[in-house]
Protein backbone atom coordinates (compact mmCIF):
# COMPACT_ATOMS: atom_id res chain seq x y z
CA MET A 1 -1.07 -20.25 -31.18
CA ASP A 2 0.58 -20.18 -34.64
CA ALA A 3 -1.13 -17.38 -36.58
CA LYS A 4 -0.17 -18.75 -40.02
CA ALA A 5 -1.23 -22.33 -39.19
CA THR A 6 -4.54 -21.15 -37.71
CA GLY A 7 -5.10 -18.84 -40.67
CA GLY A 8 -4.47 -21.65 -43.14
CA LEU A 9 -6.92 -23.90 -41.27
CA ILE A 10 -9.60 -21.17 -41.29
CA ALA A 11 -9.17 -20.58 -45.04
CA ARG A 12 -9.25 -24.30 -45.84
CA ARG A 13 -12.39 -25.01 -43.81
CA ARG A 14 -14.11 -21.90 -45.21
CA LYS A 15 -13.49 -23.01 -48.77
CA GLU A 16 -14.75 -26.52 -47.95
CA GLN A 17 -18.01 -24.83 -46.91
CA ASN A 18 -18.08 -22.94 -50.25
CA TRP A 19 -18.16 -19.64 -48.35
CA SER A 20 -16.58 -16.40 -49.35
CA GLN A 21 -14.71 -14.39 -46.76
CA GLY A 22 -17.78 -12.13 -46.64
CA ASP A 23 -20.06 -15.12 -45.89
CA LEU A 24 -17.92 -16.15 -42.90
CA ALA A 25 -17.62 -12.54 -41.75
CA GLU A 26 -21.41 -12.12 -41.83
CA ARG A 27 -21.90 -15.21 -39.64
CA LEU A 28 -19.47 -13.85 -37.07
CA HIS A 29 -20.60 -10.20 -37.34
CA VAL A 30 -17.12 -9.03 -38.34
CA THR A 31 -15.74 -7.48 -41.52
CA ASP A 32 -14.37 -9.49 -44.44
CA LYS A 33 -11.08 -7.61 -43.89
CA ALA A 34 -10.84 -9.20 -40.43
CA VAL A 35 -11.30 -12.66 -41.95
CA SER A 36 -8.65 -11.85 -44.57
CA LYS A 37 -6.15 -10.89 -41.82
CA TRP A 38 -6.83 -14.17 -40.00
CA GLU A 39 -6.32 -16.29 -43.06
CA THR A 40 -3.09 -14.58 -44.08
CA GLY A 41 -1.67 -14.80 -40.57
CA ARG A 42 -1.62 -11.00 -40.13
CA GLY A 43 -4.00 -11.17 -37.20
CA LEU A 44 -5.79 -13.53 -34.86
CA PRO A 45 -9.45 -13.75 -33.85
CA SER A 46 -10.24 -12.37 -30.40
CA VAL A 47 -10.92 -14.76 -27.52
CA ASP A 48 -14.68 -14.14 -27.63
CA LEU A 49 -14.74 -15.20 -31.31
CA LEU A 50 -12.88 -18.50 -30.91
CA GLU A 51 -15.92 -20.58 -29.97
CA PRO A 52 -18.36 -19.20 -32.62
CA LEU A 53 -15.61 -19.37 -35.29
CA ALA A 54 -14.77 -22.97 -34.42
CA GLU A 55 -18.47 -23.90 -34.43
CA ALA A 56 -19.01 -22.23 -37.83
CA LEU A 57 -16.08 -24.13 -39.35
CA GLY A 58 -16.97 -27.48 -37.74
CA LEU A 59 -13.88 -27.47 -35.57
CA THR A 60 -13.11 -27.57 -31.90
CA VAL A 61 -11.46 -24.63 -30.17
CA SER A 62 -8.45 -26.86 -29.51
CA GLU A 63 -8.09 -27.52 -33.25
CA LEU A 64 -8.42 -23.85 -34.02
CA LEU A 65 -5.70 -22.99 -31.49
CA SER A 66 -3.49 -25.83 -32.73
CA GLY A 67 -3.84 -24.77 -36.36
CA ARG A 68 -4.77 -28.27 -37.55
CA GLU A 69 -7.44 -30.91 -37.30
CA LEU A 70 -6.83 -33.36 -34.47
CA THR A 71 -7.60 -37.02 -34.05
CA PRO A 72 -9.87 -38.13 -31.16
CA GLU A 73 -6.74 -39.33 -29.34
CA GLU A 74 -4.97 -35.96 -29.74
CA LEU A 75 -7.87 -33.77 -28.63
CA PRO A 76 -7.61 -34.30 -24.81
CA LYS A 77 -3.85 -33.75 -24.79
CA ALA A 78 -4.09 -30.61 -26.92
CA ALA A 79 -6.87 -29.23 -24.73
CA GLY A 80 -4.81 -29.89 -21.58
CA GLU A 81 -1.75 -28.20 -23.03
CA GLN A 82 -3.80 -25.16 -24.03
CA ILE A 83 -5.34 -24.95 -20.56
CA MET A 84 -1.89 -25.13 -18.95
CA GLU A 85 -0.54 -22.48 -21.30
CA SER A 86 -3.51 -20.24 -20.47
CA MET A 87 -2.87 -20.76 -16.76
CA ARG A 88 0.80 -19.90 -17.17
CA LYS A 89 -0.09 -16.70 -19.03
CA ASN A 90 -2.66 -15.77 -16.41
CA ARG A 91 -0.14 -16.47 -13.65
CA ARG A 92 2.40 -14.26 -15.37
CA ARG A 93 -0.18 -11.49 -15.72
CA ILE A 94 -1.11 -11.81 -12.02
CA TRP A 95 2.52 -11.62 -10.90
CA GLN A 96 3.13 -8.72 -13.26
CA GLY A 97 0.15 -6.95 -11.68
CA VAL A 98 1.38 -7.71 -8.17
CA LEU A 99 4.88 -6.50 -9.05
CA ALA A 100 3.48 -3.32 -10.59
CA ALA A 101 1.37 -2.71 -7.47
CA LEU A 102 4.37 -3.28 -5.17
CA MET A 103 6.49 -0.93 -7.25
CA ALA A 104 3.74 1.71 -7.09
CA VAL A 105 3.53 1.33 -3.29
CA ALA A 106 7.32 1.50 -2.96
CA LEU A 107 7.44 4.60 -5.15
CA ALA A 108 4.67 6.28 -3.15
CA ALA A 109 6.43 5.39 0.12
CA GLY A 110 9.71 6.75 -1.23
CA VAL A 111 8.05 9.99 -2.31
CA TYR A 112 6.36 10.35 1.10
CA VAL A 113 9.55 9.67 3.05
CA GLY A 114 11.53 12.01 0.82
CA TYR A 115 8.94 14.76 1.13
CA HIS A 116 8.74 14.27 4.90
CA TYR A 117 12.52 14.37 5.19
CA ALA A 118 12.71 17.59 3.18
CA THR A 119 9.84 19.35 4.97
CA SER A 120 10.20 18.03 8.52
CA VAL A 121 13.64 16.61 9.24
CA LEU A 122 15.93 19.13 7.56
CA GLY A 123 16.24 21.84 10.18
CA ARG A 124 12.99 20.87 11.92
CA SER A 125 13.67 17.71 13.92
CA VAL A 126 16.75 16.47 15.77
CA THR A 127 17.94 13.43 17.69
CA GLU A 128 17.78 13.34 21.48
CA ALA A 129 21.57 13.17 21.60
CA ASP A 130 21.82 16.45 19.67
CA ARG A 131 21.65 18.75 22.69
CA GLU A 132 22.56 21.80 20.62
CA GLY A 133 19.83 20.97 18.10
CA LEU A 134 17.28 20.68 20.90
CA ARG A 135 18.48 24.03 22.28
CA ARG A 136 18.04 25.71 18.88
CA GLN A 137 14.55 24.26 18.54
CA ALA A 138 13.62 25.51 22.02
CA ILE A 139 14.91 28.98 21.13
CA THR A 140 12.92 29.01 17.87
CA TYR A 141 9.70 27.79 19.46
CA LEU A 142 9.77 29.81 22.68
CA SER A 143 10.97 33.06 21.09
CA SER A 144 8.11 32.88 18.55
CA ARG A 145 5.68 33.03 21.50
CA GLN A 146 7.51 35.57 23.64
CA GLU A 147 4.62 38.03 23.29
CA GLN A 148 2.62 35.71 25.58
CA SER A 149 4.93 36.60 28.47
CA HIS A 150 5.64 39.88 30.21
CA SER A 151 9.27 38.95 30.92
CA GLU A 152 12.28 39.86 28.83
CA PHE A 153 14.10 36.74 27.69
CA VAL A 154 17.68 36.43 26.48
CA TYR A 155 17.22 33.45 24.19
CA ASN A 156 20.67 33.50 22.62
CA GLU A 157 21.97 32.45 26.07
CA LEU A 158 19.37 29.69 26.57
CA THR A 159 20.71 26.49 28.16
CA VAL A 160 19.12 23.03 28.28
CA VAL A 161 19.53 22.02 31.93
CA ASP A 162 17.71 18.67 31.97
CA LEU A 163 15.82 16.27 29.68
CA GLU A 164 13.07 13.74 30.44
CA GLN A 165 11.63 11.33 27.87
CA LYS A 166 8.59 9.04 27.99
CA GLY A 167 6.95 7.33 25.02
CA ASP A 168 6.54 9.79 22.16
CA TYR A 169 7.28 12.89 24.24
CA LEU A 170 10.46 14.65 25.36
CA ALA A 171 10.60 17.54 27.83
CA ALA A 172 13.49 19.97 28.26
CA LEU A 173 14.05 22.20 31.28
CA CYS A 174 15.78 25.38 30.09
CA VAL A 175 17.06 28.64 31.56
CA ASP A 176 17.87 31.85 29.66
CA GLY A 177 20.53 34.50 30.24
CA ASN A 178 18.35 36.44 32.70
CA GLY A 179 17.60 33.42 34.88
CA HIS A 180 14.10 32.86 33.48
CA TRP A 181 13.10 29.20 33.41
CA GLU A 182 11.19 27.54 30.57
CA ILE A 183 9.90 24.11 29.62
CA CYS A 184 10.00 23.03 25.97
CA ILE A 185 8.03 19.96 24.81
CA TYR A 186 9.06 17.84 21.83
CA GLU A 187 7.13 15.08 20.06
CA ARG A 188 8.60 12.08 18.27
CA ASP A 189 8.89 12.29 14.47
CA SER A 190 6.21 10.04 12.91
CA VAL A 191 8.55 8.70 10.18
CA PHE A 192 12.00 8.90 11.79
CA PRO A 193 11.37 7.73 15.40
CA ASP A 194 14.83 8.70 16.68
CA ARG A 195 14.15 12.37 15.93
CA TRP A 196 12.17 15.00 17.84
CA ARG A 197 10.33 18.21 16.95
CA ALA A 198 9.48 21.07 19.34
CA TYR A 199 5.78 21.80 19.43
CA GLY A 200 4.85 23.13 22.88
CA GLY A 201 6.09 24.66 26.07
CA THR A 202 5.75 27.32 28.71
CA PHE A 203 7.95 30.08 30.10
CA GLY A 204 8.12 32.93 32.57
CA THR A 205 8.45 30.92 35.78
CA GLU A 206 10.96 31.91 38.44
CA ALA A 207 13.25 30.05 40.81
CA GLY A 208 11.40 28.73 43.83
CA GLN A 209 8.33 27.75 41.83
CA ILE A 210 6.85 24.40 40.89
CA PHE A 211 5.20 24.39 37.51
CA ASP A 212 3.14 21.84 35.55
CA ILE A 213 1.91 21.34 32.01
CA ASP A 214 -0.93 18.94 31.40
CA PHE A 215 -2.82 17.98 28.25
CA ARG A 216 -4.41 14.99 26.52
CA ASP A 217 -2.92 13.51 23.33
CA GLN A 218 -4.79 12.13 20.31
CA GLN A 219 -4.82 8.63 21.83
CA GLY A 220 -6.61 9.92 24.93
CA ASN A 221 -3.58 9.60 27.24
CA ALA A 222 -3.07 12.17 29.97
CA ILE A 223 0.35 13.84 29.57
CA ILE A 224 1.71 15.65 32.65
CA ILE A 225 5.04 17.46 32.93
CA MET A 226 6.17 18.59 36.39
CA ALA A 227 9.21 20.77 37.06
CA GLY A 228 10.73 22.80 39.86
CA TRP A 229 13.96 24.72 40.40
CA GLY A 230 15.50 26.79 43.14
CA LEU A 231 13.51 24.82 45.73
CA PRO A 232 14.48 24.45 49.42
CA ARG A 233 17.11 21.76 49.81
CA ASP A 234 15.05 19.75 52.30
CA ILE A 235 12.52 18.89 49.57
CA GLU A 236 13.28 15.33 48.46
CA GLY A 237 10.04 14.40 46.67
CA TYR A 238 6.43 15.27 46.01
CA SER A 239 3.00 13.67 45.55
CA PHE A 240 -0.28 14.53 43.83
CA LYS A 241 -3.65 12.96 43.04
CA ILE A 242 -5.45 12.16 39.79
CA ASP A 243 -8.84 10.42 39.85
CA ASP A 244 -8.39 9.74 43.59
CA VAL A 245 -5.11 7.91 42.91
CA THR A 246 -2.03 9.27 44.73
CA TYR A 247 1.25 9.40 42.80
CA THR A 248 4.45 9.82 44.83
CA TYR A 249 7.91 10.62 43.43
CA SER A 250 11.24 11.25 45.12
CA LYS A 251 13.42 12.68 42.38
CA VAL A 252 14.06 16.18 43.69
CA PHE A 253 17.82 16.76 43.77
CA ALA A 254 19.56 19.95 44.87
CA GLY A 255 16.28 21.84 44.69
CA MET A 256 15.49 20.90 41.06
CA PHE A 257 13.51 18.21 39.22
CA LEU A 258 11.84 17.46 35.86
CA ASP A 259 9.32 14.64 35.40
CA LEU A 260 7.12 13.53 32.50
CA PHE A 261 4.15 11.20 33.01
CA ILE A 262 1.91 9.39 30.52
CA LEU A 263 -1.25 8.07 32.16
CA PRO A 264 -3.27 5.86 29.76
CA ASP A 265 -7.07 6.11 29.83
CA SER A 266 -7.04 8.65 32.64
CA GLY A 267 -10.42 10.20 33.27
CA ASP A 268 -8.87 13.54 34.18
CA VAL A 269 -5.72 15.43 33.26
CA ALA A 270 -5.45 18.07 35.99
CA PHE A 271 -4.07 16.91 39.32
CA THR A 272 -4.92 17.98 42.86
CA GLY A 273 -3.38 17.77 46.32
CA LEU A 274 0.23 18.61 45.43
CA LYS A 275 2.47 18.03 48.46
CA LEU A 276 6.21 18.46 48.94
CA LEU A 277 7.92 15.64 50.85
CA ASP A 278 11.05 15.22 52.94
CA GLU A 279 13.52 12.33 52.65
CA ASN A 280 11.18 10.09 54.68
CA GLY A 281 8.16 10.83 52.51
CA ASN A 282 6.54 13.11 55.08
CA PRO A 283 4.78 16.31 53.92
CA LEU A 284 6.72 19.54 54.46
CA PRO A 285 4.99 22.65 55.83
CA TYR A 286 5.26 24.64 52.60
CA GLU A 287 2.10 26.26 51.36
CA ASN A 288 1.27 27.47 47.87
CA PRO A 289 4.14 25.42 46.35
CA ARG A 290 3.56 26.98 42.91
CA GLU A 291 4.40 30.47 44.20
CA PRO A 292 7.91 32.01 44.53
CA GLY A 293 9.64 32.28 47.85
CA LEU A 294 9.01 28.88 49.40
CA THR A 295 11.81 29.56 51.87
């Protein structure tokens, strides 16, 4: 749309009607200054004024946009070109909007990831391969809850003896400088899935005990961690029941084991009927397997 050509056409048609700028302005409910800007090419009528302006001047909208009167043969072509130009402008505006939205999403994602990295990853989550990092996390978590135990722990001598990972959970079997055994639980980082953060655990168990941790996660899965250390050497496996289903495992080696189970949609978390098994899967005559002194 050529502002000067359109302005000249408006002025010429107005004068042919013997109207002043004020007369035309009154018909369109605008000011005479607005009409003056149109006619001098210093401004253009708004989209909602194109049709009433063209009608008042005895023109078509296509002629008004073209800045000249058109022959009957030229009118369809001019209208088509104006429609295509409008579509191109609208398409550009749509893509500009989409691009702006994508940039806003990318910026928000970058801010979130950066904030999460600064508040969670730096010093607060580690990779599974970083054994020393896992040890430091276990020390930090367990020592902060030492008042829950009656035992004296030597955390600066804590050692990670074994690791077991399933799904979004990692369990570490640890022992401190006084021979106290602990279990530390880590959960997977929600943004950086190769990293882990300590968030649970238990401590104060002694050699010769079997200990368990069980809870339900936010998805409703039953999470069970089983561990034992200092057990009689003839123990090769164990079994237990959940919801009348028997689970049997034979991973006990040299009197020690650590297992982590995720049971989807389990109706119960706590297990019953814990039995210790020999190498043939037969129950051993040990009673109270969670108490010290099995031998």
